[in-house]
Amino acid sequence: MQELLNYLEDLGLLFLTMPINMGEKFYYVYVLTFIGLGWLSYRLYYKKRTRKNFFQFLFPKAIYWHKSARIDYAIFIINIVLSPLLLVGAGIQTWISSELASFLIDLNNGAALITGQWHWLTYATFIIGYTLIADLSVYLIHRFHHRSDLFWPFHALHHSAEVMTPVTLFRKHPVWNLSAHSLAMTMTGIFQGLFVFIFFGNPGTEILFGLNTIYVLYNFFGANLRHSHVWLHWPKPFAYLFISPAMHQIHHDPTRLKKNYGEVFAIWDWLFGTLYIPEGYEEFAIGLGEATNPHDTLARAYWEPLAEFGRRLKNWRGRGVSS
């Protein structure tokens, strides 16, 4: 009972500290930049198109109190309660990195390729490399779920949102969260193990600030706008390097679900032929493009992806037997 109370206390503290935690999407600075960049977008694209004032435009009741948005809010809370499941992924990363580094060092007669103290260039290389690998894992798992008829139902929940708010980011099935986190931890674990072998010595806690810095910049420059009705796009050539909020919104267009899989960097979409860069402001629908929403209640949001996966798995096995 005491463990349960401690857990509930930790959850309560997590929610209360979100606005002052730099690692959270709703850190107050990111909320302020969301408002600031929203104002820029309003002046550039919307002021002549709408009679609404800025705050009516940025926080419309029709979107933020939409049934789909209310389901998002509930999923957000439930998935945080389930978040301890993701600790499995962290264990995978630690085990892979330590075992791989030890194995390679043993193969090399107990020595790393380069010995000595880490310096700023080593840290910078590690931080950039780690972030690129983590982002590549997002691209790969994202693309896999879109291209896999069997596993698509777990990601379809995210795309069934009928309106988008920053909380829509968290509209994800626990199976998706677990698979995405596990792949990220596996790939970054391999990278970390290789890096430790090349440059002897485990990365210390001092690199954590550097890792966070990249994502702080990502969050600062409009990450919360990605899931919103507010159009903001980076000009070329930046659009070839970084996914703008508008580029991700286009990914929620049911006719372009297989474009712009990337999270932070656009280079993966560019390299693998899935990049779409808009030439100007666009209007389009979002959602699955289906007549009815399969996740129109909270219960169906969690149950329907499992049921649909089961149906597709049964059909897949049936085709395998018949062939």
C-alpha atoms as a PDB file:
ATOM      1  CA  MET A   1       0.000   0.000   0.000  1.00  0.00           C
ATOM      2  CA  GLN A   2       2.823   2.390   0.853  1.00  0.00           C
ATOM      3  CA  GLU A   3       4.446   1.762  -2.542  1.00  0.00           C
ATOM      4  CA  LEU A   4       1.170   2.635  -4.253  1.00  0.00           C
ATOM      5  CA  LEU A   5       0.869   5.847  -2.238  1.00  0.00           C
ATOM      6  CA  ASN A   6       4.464   6.772  -3.084  1.00  0.00           C
ATOM      7  CA  TYR A   7       3.757   6.114  -6.757  1.00  0.00           C
ATOM      8  CA  LEU A   8       0.640   8.292  -6.724  1.00  0.00           C
ATOM      9  CA  GLU A   9       2.575  11.012  -4.927  1.00  0.00           C
ATOM     10  CA  ASP A  10       5.281  10.886  -7.599  1.00  0.00           C
ATOM     11  CA  LEU A  11       2.639  11.154 -10.324  1.00  0.00           C
ATOM     12  CA  GLY A  12       1.051  14.139  -8.640  1.00  0.00           C
ATOM     13  CA  LEU A  13       4.435  15.809  -8.319  1.00  0.00           C
ATOM     14  CA  LEU A  14       5.139  15.115 -11.985  1.00  0.00           C
ATOM     15  CA  PHE A  15       1.982  16.902 -13.086  1.00  0.00           C
ATOM     16  CA  LEU A  16       2.568  19.825 -10.737  1.00  0.00           C
ATOM     17  CA  THR A  17       6.161  20.376 -11.870  1.00  0.00           C
ATOM     18  CA  MET A  18       5.566  20.114 -15.620  1.00  0.00           C
ATOM     19  CA  PRO A  19       5.469  23.909 -16.097  1.00  0.00           C
ATOM     20  CA  ILE A  20       8.882  24.315 -14.419  1.00  0.00           C
ATOM     21  CA  ASN A  21      10.608  21.211 -15.819  1.00  0.00           C
ATOM     22  CA  MET A  22      12.740  21.999 -18.869  1.00  0.00           C
ATOM     23  CA  GLY A  23      12.450  18.385 -20.018  1.00  0.00           C
ATOM     24  CA  GLU A  24       8.659  18.561 -20.346  1.00  0.00           C
ATOM     25  CA  LYS A  25       6.769  19.776 -23.419  1.00  0.00           C
ATOM     26  CA  PHE A  26       4.671  22.130 -21.290  1.00  0.00           C
ATOM     27  CA  TYR A  27       7.574  23.903 -19.617  1.00  0.00           C
ATOM     28  CA  TYR A  28       6.489  27.526 -19.288  1.00  0.00           C
ATOM     29  CA  VAL A  29       9.176  28.800 -21.685  1.00  0.00           C
ATOM     30  CA  TYR A  30       7.925  26.450 -24.423  1.00  0.00           C
ATOM     31  CA  VAL A  31       4.376  27.647 -23.780  1.00  0.00           C
ATOM     32  CA  LEU A  32       5.568  31.237 -24.182  1.00  0.00           C
ATOM     33  CA  THR A  33       7.386  30.444 -27.433  1.00  0.00           C
ATOM     34  CA  PHE A  34       4.248  28.607 -28.618  1.00  0.00           C
ATOM     35  CA  ILE A  35       2.338  31.852 -28.067  1.00  0.00           C
ATOM     36  CA  GLY A  36       5.101  33.994 -29.601  1.00  0.00           C
ATOM     37  CA  LEU A  37       5.473  31.884 -32.740  1.00  0.00           C
ATOM     38  CA  GLY A  38       1.698  31.592 -32.940  1.00  0.00           C
ATOM     39  CA  TRP A  39       1.521  35.392 -32.993  1.00  0.00           C
ATOM     40  CA  LEU A  40       4.071  35.454 -35.827  1.00  0.00           C
ATOM     41  CA  SER A  41       2.003  32.943 -37.788  1.00  0.00           C
ATOM     42  CA  TYR A  42      -1.170  34.922 -37.093  1.00  0.00           C
ATOM     43  CA  ARG A  43       0.388  38.076 -38.530  1.00  0.00           C
ATOM     44  CA  LEU A  44       1.855  36.274 -41.552  1.00  0.00           C
ATOM     45  CA  TYR A  45      -1.002  33.991 -42.599  1.00  0.00           C
ATOM     46  CA  TYR A  46      -4.246  34.460 -40.678  1.00  0.00           C
ATOM     47  CA  LYS A  47      -4.944  38.069 -39.703  1.00  0.00           C
ATOM     48  CA  LYS A  48      -6.493  38.890 -43.076  1.00  0.00           C
ATOM     49  CA  ARG A  49      -8.321  35.544 -43.228  1.00  0.00           C
ATOM     50  CA  THR A  50     -10.155  35.706 -39.904  1.00  0.00           C
ATOM     51  CA  ARG A  51     -12.194  38.118 -37.793  1.00  0.00           C
ATOM     52  CA  LYS A  52     -10.908  36.508 -34.605  1.00  0.00           C
ATOM     53  CA  ASN A  53      -8.455  38.312 -32.383  1.00  0.00           C
ATOM     54  CA  PHE A  54      -5.144  36.618 -31.676  1.00  0.00           C
ATOM     55  CA  PHE A  55      -6.087  34.620 -28.585  1.00  0.00           C
ATOM     56  CA  GLN A  56      -9.400  33.545 -30.100  1.00  0.00           C
ATOM     57  CA  PHE A  57      -7.396  32.343 -33.080  1.00  0.00           C
ATOM     58  CA  LEU A  58      -4.705  30.575 -31.036  1.00  0.00           C
ATOM     59  CA  PHE A  59      -7.001  28.880 -28.511  1.00  0.00           C
ATOM     60  CA  PRO A  60     -10.338  28.309 -30.266  1.00  0.00           C
ATOM     61  CA  LYS A  61     -12.931  26.569 -28.131  1.00  0.00           C
ATOM     62  CA  ALA A  62     -14.080  24.553 -31.152  1.00  0.00           C
ATOM     63  CA  ILE A  63     -10.680  22.836 -31.186  1.00  0.00           C
ATOM     64  CA  TYR A  64      -9.597  22.747 -27.550  1.00  0.00           C
ATOM     65  CA  TRP A  65     -12.971  21.512 -26.311  1.00  0.00           C
ATOM     66  CA  HIS A  66     -13.654  19.196 -29.253  1.00  0.00           C
ATOM     67  CA  LYS A  67     -14.539  15.605 -28.342  1.00  0.00           C
ATOM     68  CA  SER A  68     -11.353  14.383 -30.035  1.00  0.00           C
ATOM     69  CA  ALA A  69      -9.251  16.817 -27.985  1.00  0.00           C
ATOM     70  CA  ARG A  70     -10.926  15.695 -24.745  1.00  0.00           C
ATOM     71  CA  ILE A  71      -9.993  12.105 -25.582  1.00  0.00           C
ATOM     72  CA  ASP A  72      -6.419  13.320 -26.117  1.00  0.00           C
ATOM     73  CA  TYR A  73      -6.355  14.838 -22.638  1.00  0.00           C
ATOM     74  CA  ALA A  74      -7.536  11.572 -21.084  1.00  0.00           C
ATOM     75  CA  ILE A  75      -5.001   9.495 -23.051  1.00  0.00           C
ATOM     76  CA  PHE A  76      -2.264  11.903 -21.965  1.00  0.00           C
ATOM     77  CA  ILE A  77      -3.049  11.309 -18.289  1.00  0.00           C
ATOM     78  CA  ILE A  78      -3.488   7.526 -18.634  1.00  0.00           C
ATOM     79  CA  ASN A  79      -0.256   7.083 -20.575  1.00  0.00           C
ATOM     80  CA  ILE A  80       1.672   8.983 -17.918  1.00  0.00           C
ATOM     81  CA  VAL A  81       0.250   6.579 -15.330  1.00  0.00           C
ATOM     82  CA  LEU A  82       1.465   3.704 -17.535  1.00  0.00           C
ATOM     83  CA  SER A  83       4.865   5.314 -18.187  1.00  0.00           C
ATOM     84  CA  PRO A  84       6.810   3.017 -15.778  1.00  0.00           C
ATOM     85  CA  LEU A  85       6.459   0.356 -18.490  1.00  0.00           C
ATOM     86  CA  LEU A  86       9.003   2.355 -20.503  1.00  0.00           C
ATOM     87  CA  LEU A  87      11.680   1.697 -17.891  1.00  0.00           C
ATOM     88  CA  VAL A  88      12.193  -1.617 -19.708  1.00  0.00           C
ATOM     89  CA  GLY A  89      13.654   0.341 -22.629  1.00  0.00           C
ATOM     90  CA  ALA A  90      16.116   2.189 -20.402  1.00  0.00           C
ATOM     91  CA  GLY A  91      17.355  -1.167 -19.097  1.00  0.00           C
ATOM     92  CA  ILE A  92      17.837  -2.360 -22.680  1.00  0.00           C
ATOM     93  CA  GLN A  93      19.987   0.659 -23.496  1.00  0.00           C
ATOM     94  CA  THR A  94      22.235   0.265 -20.451  1.00  0.00           C
ATOM     95  CA  TRP A  95      22.695  -3.475 -20.990  1.00  0.00           C
ATOM     96  CA  ILE A  96      23.436  -3.183 -24.732  1.00  0.00           C
ATOM     97  CA  SER A  97      25.895  -0.308 -24.375  1.00  0.00           C
ATOM     98  CA  SER A  98      27.843  -1.887 -21.520  1.00  0.00           C
ATOM     99  CA  GLU A  99      27.927  -5.390 -23.006  1.00  0.00           C
ATOM    100  CA  LEU A 100      28.888  -4.187 -26.491  1.00  0.00           C
ATOM    101  CA  ALA A 101      31.621  -1.876 -25.210  1.00  0.00           C
ATOM    102  CA  SER A 102      33.064  -4.618 -22.966  1.00  0.00           C
ATOM    103  CA  PHE A 103      32.967  -7.172 -25.794  1.00  0.00           C
ATOM    104  CA  LEU A 104      34.752  -4.904 -28.277  1.00  0.00           C
ATOM    105  CA  ILE A 105      37.336  -3.793 -25.719  1.00  0.00           C
ATOM    106  CA  ASP A 106      38.073  -7.435 -24.874  1.00  0.00           C
ATOM    107  CA  LEU A 107      38.486  -8.213 -28.578  1.00  0.00           C
ATOM    108  CA  ASN A 108      40.981  -5.375 -28.807  1.00  0.00           C
ATOM    109  CA  ASN A 109      43.173  -6.801 -26.032  1.00  0.00           C
ATOM    110  CA  GLY A 110      41.431  -4.810 -23.310  1.00  0.00           C
ATOM    111  CA  ALA A 111      41.935  -1.404 -24.890  1.00  0.00           C
ATOM    112  CA  ALA A 112      39.786   1.179 -26.627  1.00  0.00           C
ATOM    113  CA  LEU A 113      40.801   2.488 -30.026  1.00  0.00           C
ATOM    114  CA  ILE A 114      41.553   5.929 -28.601  1.00  0.00           C
ATOM    115  CA  THR A 115      42.550   6.366 -24.968  1.00  0.00           C
ATOM    116  CA  GLY A 116      42.741   9.501 -22.891  1.00  0.00           C
ATOM    117  CA  GLN A 117      40.404  12.119 -21.524  1.00  0.00           C
ATOM    118  CA  TRP A 118      37.296  13.241 -23.335  1.00  0.00           C
ATOM    119  CA  HIS A 119      37.387  16.870 -24.455  1.00  0.00           C
ATOM    120  CA  TRP A 120      34.852  19.260 -25.946  1.00  0.00           C
ATOM    121  CA  LEU A 121      35.068  17.757 -29.454  1.00  0.00           C
ATOM    122  CA  THR A 122      34.470  14.251 -28.081  1.00  0.00           C
ATOM    123  CA  TYR A 123      31.444  15.442 -26.136  1.00  0.00           C
ATOM    124  CA  ALA A 124      30.060  17.410 -29.103  1.00  0.00           C
ATOM    125  CA  THR A 125      30.465  14.399 -31.410  1.00  0.00           C
ATOM    126  CA  PHE A 126      28.746  12.148 -28.895  1.00  0.00           C
ATOM    127  CA  ILE A 127      25.847  14.560 -28.343  1.00  0.00           C
ATOM    128  CA  ILE A 128      25.213  15.133 -32.058  1.00  0.00           C
ATOM    129  CA  GLY A 129      25.660  11.459 -32.942  1.00  0.00           C
ATOM    130  CA  TYR A 130      23.395  10.281 -30.128  1.00  0.00           C
ATOM    131  CA  THR A 131      20.681  12.743 -31.130  1.00  0.00           C
ATOM    132  CA  LEU A 132      20.883  11.739 -34.800  1.00  0.00           C
ATOM    133  CA  ILE A 133      20.596   8.043 -33.930  1.00  0.00           C
ATOM    134  CA  ALA A 134      17.668   8.681 -31.587  1.00  0.00           C
ATOM    135  CA  ASP A 135      15.945  10.696 -34.307  1.00  0.00           C
ATOM    136  CA  LEU A 136      16.643   7.997 -36.906  1.00  0.00           C
ATOM    137  CA  SER A 137      14.951   5.469 -34.622  1.00  0.00           C
ATOM    138  CA  VAL A 138      11.840   7.682 -34.561  1.00  0.00           C
ATOM    139  CA  TYR A 139      11.854   7.834 -38.356  1.00  0.00           C
ATOM    140  CA  LEU A 140      12.250   4.050 -38.708  1.00  0.00           C
ATOM    141  CA  ILE A 141       9.565   3.010 -36.216  1.00  0.00           C
ATOM    142  CA  HIS A 142       7.225   5.678 -37.564  1.00  0.00           C
ATOM    143  CA  ARG A 143       7.701   4.574 -41.160  1.00  0.00           C
ATOM    144  CA  PHE A 144       7.423   0.901 -40.183  1.00  0.00           C
ATOM    145  CA  HIS A 145       4.015   1.407 -38.569  1.00  0.00           C
ATOM    146  CA  HIS A 146       2.751   3.329 -41.581  1.00  0.00           C
ATOM    147  CA  ARG A 147       3.993   0.732 -44.072  1.00  0.00           C
ATOM    148  CA  SER A 148       3.014  -2.350 -42.036  1.00  0.00           C
ATOM    149  CA  ASP A 149      -0.572  -3.415 -42.576  1.00  0.00           C
ATOM    150  CA  LEU A 150      -0.324  -5.570 -39.444  1.00  0.00           C
ATOM    151  CA  PHE A 151       1.021  -2.944 -37.014  1.00  0.00           C
ATOM    152  CA  TRP A 152      -0.657   0.143 -38.483  1.00  0.00           C
ATOM    153  CA  PRO A 153      -3.662  -0.033 -36.071  1.00  0.00           C
ATOM    154  CA  PHE A 154      -1.446   0.930 -33.125  1.00  0.00           C
ATOM    155  CA  HIS A 155      -0.307   4.130 -34.820  1.00  0.00           C
ATOM    156  CA  ALA A 156      -3.668   4.810 -36.463  1.00  0.00           C
ATOM    157  CA  LEU A 157      -4.883   5.994 -33.061  1.00  0.00           C
ATOM    158  CA  HIS A 158      -2.573   8.996 -33.324  1.00  0.00           C
ATOM    159  CA  HIS A 159      -3.824   9.843 -36.805  1.00  0.00           C
ATOM    160  CA  SER A 160      -7.479   9.478 -35.881  1.00  0.00           C
ATOM    161  CA  ALA A 161      -7.346  12.840 -34.091  1.00  0.00           C
ATOM    162  CA  GLU A 162     -10.007  15.059 -35.654  1.00  0.00           C
ATOM    163  CA  VAL A 163      -8.429  18.251 -34.322  1.00  0.00           C
ATOM    164  CA  MET A 164      -4.908  18.886 -33.100  1.00  0.00           C
ATOM    165  CA  THR A 165      -3.633  20.559 -29.949  1.00  0.00           C
ATOM    166  CA  PRO A 166      -0.171  20.201 -28.404  1.00  0.00           C
ATOM    167  CA  VAL A 167      -1.579  17.357 -26.276  1.00  0.00           C
ATOM    168  CA  THR A 168      -2.313  15.367 -29.459  1.00  0.00           C
ATOM    169  CA  LEU A 169       1.401  14.529 -29.462  1.00  0.00           C
ATOM    170  CA  PHE A 170       0.625  12.101 -26.632  1.00  0.00           C
ATOM    171  CA  ARG A 171      -2.334  10.459 -28.386  1.00  0.00           C
ATOM    172  CA  LYS A 172      -0.457   7.166 -28.708  1.00  0.00           C
ATOM    173  CA  HIS A 173      -1.278   3.580 -27.884  1.00  0.00           C
ATOM    174  CA  PRO A 174       0.858   1.980 -25.128  1.00  0.00           C
ATOM    175  CA  VAL A 175       2.008  -0.686 -27.626  1.00  0.00           C
ATOM    176  CA  TRP A 176       3.319   2.062 -29.897  1.00  0.00           C
ATOM    177  CA  ASN A 177       5.020   3.803 -26.975  1.00  0.00           C
ATOM    178  CA  LEU A 178       6.701   0.591 -25.849  1.00  0.00           C
ATOM    179  CA  SER A 179       7.896  -0.391 -29.335  1.00  0.00           C
ATOM    180  CA  ALA A 180       9.140   3.102 -30.197  1.00  0.00           C
ATOM    181  CA  HIS A 181      10.957   3.520 -26.883  1.00  0.00           C
ATOM    182  CA  SER A 182      12.507   0.046 -27.084  1.00  0.00           C
ATOM    183  CA  LEU A 183      13.853   0.659 -30.601  1.00  0.00           C
ATOM    184  CA  ALA A 184      15.257   4.047 -29.581  1.00  0.00           C
ATOM    185  CA  MET A 185      16.981   2.562 -26.537  1.00  0.00           C
ATOM    186  CA  THR A 186      18.353  -0.344 -28.608  1.00  0.00           C
ATOM    187  CA  MET A 187      19.800   1.880 -31.334  1.00  0.00           C
ATOM    188  CA  THR A 188      21.199   4.472 -28.937  1.00  0.00           C
ATOM    189  CA  GLY A 189      22.583   1.653 -26.776  1.00  0.00           C
ATOM    190  CA  ILE A 190      24.494   0.288 -29.780  1.00  0.00           C
ATOM    191  CA  PHE A 191      25.769   3.757 -30.636  1.00  0.00           C
ATOM    192  CA  GLN A 192      26.822   4.419 -27.065  1.00  0.00           C
ATOM    193  CA  GLY A 193      28.613   1.071 -26.808  1.00  0.00           C
ATOM    194  CA  LEU A 194      30.512   1.708 -30.023  1.00  0.00           C
ATOM    195  CA  PHE A 195      31.404   5.220 -28.964  1.00  0.00           C
ATOM    196  CA  VAL A 196      32.698   4.097 -25.590  1.00  0.00           C
ATOM    197  CA  PHE A 197      34.857   1.503 -27.362  1.00  0.00           C
ATOM    198  CA  ILE A 198      36.298   4.104 -29.732  1.00  0.00           C
ATOM    199  CA  PHE A 199      36.798   6.794 -27.088  1.00  0.00           C
ATOM    200  CA  PHE A 200      37.501   4.991 -23.842  1.00  0.00           C
ATOM    201  CA  GLY A 201      35.395   5.977 -20.845  1.00  0.00           C
ATOM    202  CA  ASN A 202      31.672   6.103 -20.223  1.00  0.00           C
ATOM    203  CA  PRO A 203      29.954   9.414 -20.992  1.00  0.00           C
ATOM    204  CA  GLY A 204      29.517  11.205 -17.688  1.00  0.00           C
ATOM    205  CA  THR A 205      26.574  13.124 -16.336  1.00  0.00           C
ATOM    206  CA  GLU A 206      28.007  16.323 -17.779  1.00  0.00           C
ATOM    207  CA  ILE A 207      26.852  15.282 -21.274  1.00  0.00           C
ATOM    208  CA  LEU A 208      23.236  15.176 -20.163  1.00  0.00           C
ATOM    209  CA  PHE A 209      23.003  18.937 -20.350  1.00  0.00           C
ATOM    210  CA  GLY A 210      24.390  18.815 -23.880  1.00  0.00           C
ATOM    211  CA  LEU A 211      21.861  16.181 -24.927  1.00  0.00           C
ATOM    212  CA  ASN A 212      19.055  18.180 -23.403  1.00  0.00           C
ATOM    213  CA  THR A 213      20.271  21.348 -25.118  1.00  0.00           C
ATOM    214  CA  ILE A 214      19.414  19.983 -28.567  1.00  0.00           C
ATOM    215  CA  TYR A 215      15.901  19.032 -27.518  1.00  0.00           C
ATOM    216  CA  VAL A 216      15.491  22.297 -25.616  1.00  0.00           C
ATOM    217  CA  LEU A 217      16.185  24.129 -28.886  1.00  0.00           C
ATOM    218  CA  TYR A 218      13.779  21.812 -30.699  1.00  0.00           C
ATOM    219  CA  ASN A 219      11.044  22.530 -28.148  1.00  0.00           C
ATOM    220  CA  PHE A 220      11.892  26.228 -28.086  1.00  0.00           C
ATOM    221  CA  PHE A 221      11.470  26.602 -31.847  1.00  0.00           C
ATOM    222  CA  GLY A 222       7.886  25.490 -32.136  1.00  0.00           C
ATOM    223  CA  ALA A 223       7.701  21.780 -31.282  1.00  0.00           C
ATOM    224  CA  ASN A 224       4.307  22.370 -29.658  1.00  0.00           C
ATOM    225  CA  LEU A 225       3.025  23.911 -32.899  1.00  0.00           C
ATOM    226  CA  ARG A 226       3.509  20.597 -34.730  1.00  0.00           C
ATOM    227  CA  HIS A 227       0.208  19.368 -33.342  1.00  0.00           C
ATOM    228  CA  SER A 228      -1.932  22.454 -33.740  1.00  0.00           C
ATOM    229  CA  HIS A 229      -3.958  24.351 -36.341  1.00  0.00           C
ATOM    230  CA  VAL A 230      -1.228  27.014 -36.588  1.00  0.00           C
ATOM    231  CA  TRP A 231       0.836  27.024 -39.780  1.00  0.00           C
ATOM    232  CA  LEU A 232       4.552  27.809 -39.433  1.00  0.00           C
ATOM    233  CA  HIS A 233       7.148  26.666 -41.951  1.00  0.00           C
ATOM    234  CA  TRP A 234      10.909  27.058 -42.323  1.00  0.00           C
ATOM    235  CA  PRO A 235      12.268  28.358 -45.640  1.00  0.00           C
ATOM    236  CA  LYS A 236      14.674  26.376 -47.777  1.00  0.00           C
ATOM    237  CA  PRO A 237      17.384  25.174 -47.234  1.00  0.00           C
ATOM    238  CA  PHE A 238      16.412  24.770 -43.551  1.00  0.00           C
ATOM    239  CA  ALA A 239      13.405  22.676 -44.582  1.00  0.00           C
ATOM    240  CA  TYR A 240      15.819  20.047 -45.931  1.00  0.00           C
ATOM    241  CA  LEU A 241      17.434  19.795 -42.499  1.00  0.00           C
ATOM    242  CA  PHE A 242      14.652  20.324 -39.945  1.00  0.00           C
ATOM    243  CA  ILE A 243      10.991  19.321 -39.860  1.00  0.00           C
ATOM    244  CA  SER A 244       8.875  22.449 -39.481  1.00  0.00           C
ATOM    245  CA  PRO A 245       5.528  22.414 -37.633  1.00  0.00           C
ATOM    246  CA  ALA A 246       3.751  22.776 -40.988  1.00  0.00           C
ATOM    247  CA  MET A 247       5.599  19.787 -42.446  1.00  0.00           C
ATOM    248  CA  HIS A 248       4.399  17.590 -39.616  1.00  0.00           C
ATOM    249  CA  GLN A 249       0.845  18.904 -39.908  1.00  0.00           C
ATOM    250  CA  ILE A 250       0.931  17.840 -43.564  1.00  0.00           C
ATOM    251  CA  HIS A 251       1.788  14.339 -42.352  1.00  0.00           C
ATOM    252  CA  HIS A 252      -1.649  14.318 -40.664  1.00  0.00           C
ATOM    253  CA  ASP A 253      -3.365  14.952 -44.019  1.00  0.00           C
ATOM    254  CA  PRO A 254      -5.011  11.580 -44.849  1.00  0.00           C
ATOM    255  CA  THR A 255      -3.784  11.882 -48.451  1.00  0.00           C
ATOM    256  CA  ARG A 256      -0.147  12.368 -47.349  1.00  0.00           C
ATOM    257  CA  LEU A 257       0.257  10.021 -44.396  1.00  0.00           C
ATOM    258  CA  LYS A 258       3.424   8.577 -45.934  1.00  0.00           C
ATOM    259  CA  LYS A 259       5.279  11.881 -46.071  1.00  0.00           C
ATOM    260  CA  ASN A 260       7.434  13.629 -43.438  1.00  0.00           C
ATOM    261  CA  TYR A 261       7.947  10.864 -40.893  1.00  0.00           C
ATOM    262  CA  GLY A 262      10.786  12.711 -39.170  1.00  0.00           C
ATOM    263  CA  GLU A 263      10.614  14.336 -35.758  1.00  0.00           C
ATOM    264  CA  VAL A 264      13.527  16.768 -35.399  1.00  0.00           C
ATOM    265  CA  PHE A 265      15.584  16.295 -38.568  1.00  0.00           C
ATOM    266  CA  ALA A 266      14.289  16.250 -42.147  1.00  0.00           C
ATOM    267  CA  ILE A 267      17.435  14.547 -43.448  1.00  0.00           C
ATOM    268  CA  TRP A 268      16.002  11.043 -43.028  1.00  0.00           C
ATOM    269  CA  ASP A 269      12.932  11.891 -45.116  1.00  0.00           C
ATOM    270  CA  TRP A 270      15.213  13.570 -47.637  1.00  0.00           C
ATOM    271  CA  LEU A 271      17.545  10.564 -47.866  1.00  0.00           C
ATOM    272  CA  PHE A 272      14.770   7.965 -48.074  1.00  0.00           C
ATOM    273  CA  GLY A 273      12.451   9.810 -50.441  1.00  0.00           C
ATOM    274  CA  THR A 274       9.579  10.664 -48.086  1.00  0.00           C
ATOM    275  CA  LEU A 275      10.173  14.407 -47.737  1.00  0.00           C
ATOM    276  CA  TYR A 276       7.462  16.867 -48.745  1.00  0.00           C
ATOM    277  CA  ILE A 277       8.267  20.586 -48.551  1.00  0.00           C
ATOM    278  CA  PRO A 278       5.316  22.941 -49.061  1.00  0.00           C
ATOM    279  CA  GLU A 279       5.807  25.926 -51.316  1.00  0.00           C
ATOM    280  CA  GLY A 280       3.423  28.105 -49.322  1.00  0.00           C
ATOM    281  CA  TYR A 281       0.488  28.136 -46.949  1.00  0.00           C
ATOM    282  CA  GLU A 282      -1.822  25.135 -47.381  1.00  0.00           C
ATOM    283  CA  GLU A 283      -5.221  24.133 -46.052  1.00  0.00           C
ATOM    284  CA  PHE A 284      -6.153  20.459 -45.732  1.00  0.00           C
ATOM    285  CA  ALA A 285      -8.138  17.995 -43.667  1.00  0.00           C
ATOM    286  CA  ILE A 286      -6.599  15.900 -40.920  1.00  0.00           C
ATOM    287  CA  GLY A 287      -7.478  12.418 -39.711  1.00  0.00           C
ATOM    288  CA  LEU A 288      -7.733   8.968 -41.231  1.00  0.00           C
ATOM    289  CA  GLY A 289     -10.003   9.999 -44.085  1.00  0.00           C
ATOM    290  CA  GLU A 290     -12.587   7.425 -43.013  1.00  0.00           C
ATOM    291  CA  ALA A 291     -16.348   7.882 -42.773  1.00  0.00           C
ATOM    292  CA  THR A 292     -16.365   7.071 -39.053  1.00  0.00           C
ATOM    293  CA  ASN A 293     -13.665   7.470 -36.438  1.00  0.00           C
ATOM    294  CA  PRO A 294     -12.687   4.047 -35.017  1.00  0.00           C
ATOM    295  CA  HIS A 295     -11.415   5.725 -31.814  1.00  0.00           C
ATOM    296  CA  ASP A 296     -14.352   7.965 -30.990  1.00  0.00           C
ATOM    297  CA  THR A 297     -14.364   7.040 -27.280  1.00  0.00           C
ATOM    298  CA  LEU A 298     -11.595   6.592 -24.747  1.00  0.00           C
ATOM    299  CA  ALA A 299     -12.335   2.873 -24.392  1.00  0.00           C
ATOM    300  CA  ARG A 300     -12.205   2.349 -28.164  1.00  0.00           C
ATOM    301  CA  ALA A 301      -8.952   4.327 -28.353  1.00  0.00           C
ATOM    302  CA  TYR A 302      -7.266   1.638 -26.275  1.00  0.00           C
ATOM    303  CA  TRP A 303      -9.246  -1.439 -27.282  1.00  0.00           C
ATOM    304  CA  GLU A 304      -9.845  -1.000 -31.021  1.00  0.00           C
ATOM    305  CA  PRO A 305      -6.131  -1.026 -32.041  1.00  0.00           C
ATOM    306  CA  LEU A 306      -5.690  -4.340 -30.178  1.00  0.00           C
ATOM    307  CA  ALA A 307      -8.841  -5.805 -31.718  1.00  0.00           C
ATOM    308  CA  GLU A 308      -7.914  -4.645 -35.223  1.00  0.00           C
ATOM    309  CA  PHE A 309      -4.389  -6.008 -34.791  1.00  0.00           C
ATOM    310  CA  GLY A 310      -5.915  -9.343 -33.768  1.00  0.00           C
ATOM    311  CA  ARG A 311      -8.171  -9.404 -36.834  1.00  0.00           C
ATOM    312  CA  ARG A 312      -5.304  -8.574 -39.161  1.00  0.00           C
ATOM    313  CA  LEU A 313      -3.036 -11.122 -37.510  1.00  0.00           C
ATOM    314  CA  LYS A 314      -5.708 -13.790 -37.959  1.00  0.00           C
ATOM    315  CA  ASN A 315      -6.098 -12.885 -41.643  1.00  0.00           C
ATOM    316  CA  TRP A 316      -2.328 -12.799 -42.101  1.00  0.00           C
ATOM    317  CA  ARG A 317      -1.976 -16.278 -40.619  1.00  0.00           C
ATOM    318  CA  GLY A 318      -4.880 -17.475 -42.736  1.00  0.00           C
ATOM    319  CA  ARG A 319      -3.202 -16.284 -45.913  1.00  0.00           C
ATOM    320  CA  GLY A 320       0.011 -17.974 -44.812  1.00  0.00           C
ATOM    321  CA  VAL A 321      -1.751 -21.320 -44.298  1.00  0.00           C
ATOM    322  CA  SER A 322      -3.670 -21.135 -47.558  1.00  0.00           C
ATOM    323  CA  SER A 323      -0.527 -20.399 -49.543  1.00  0.00           C
END
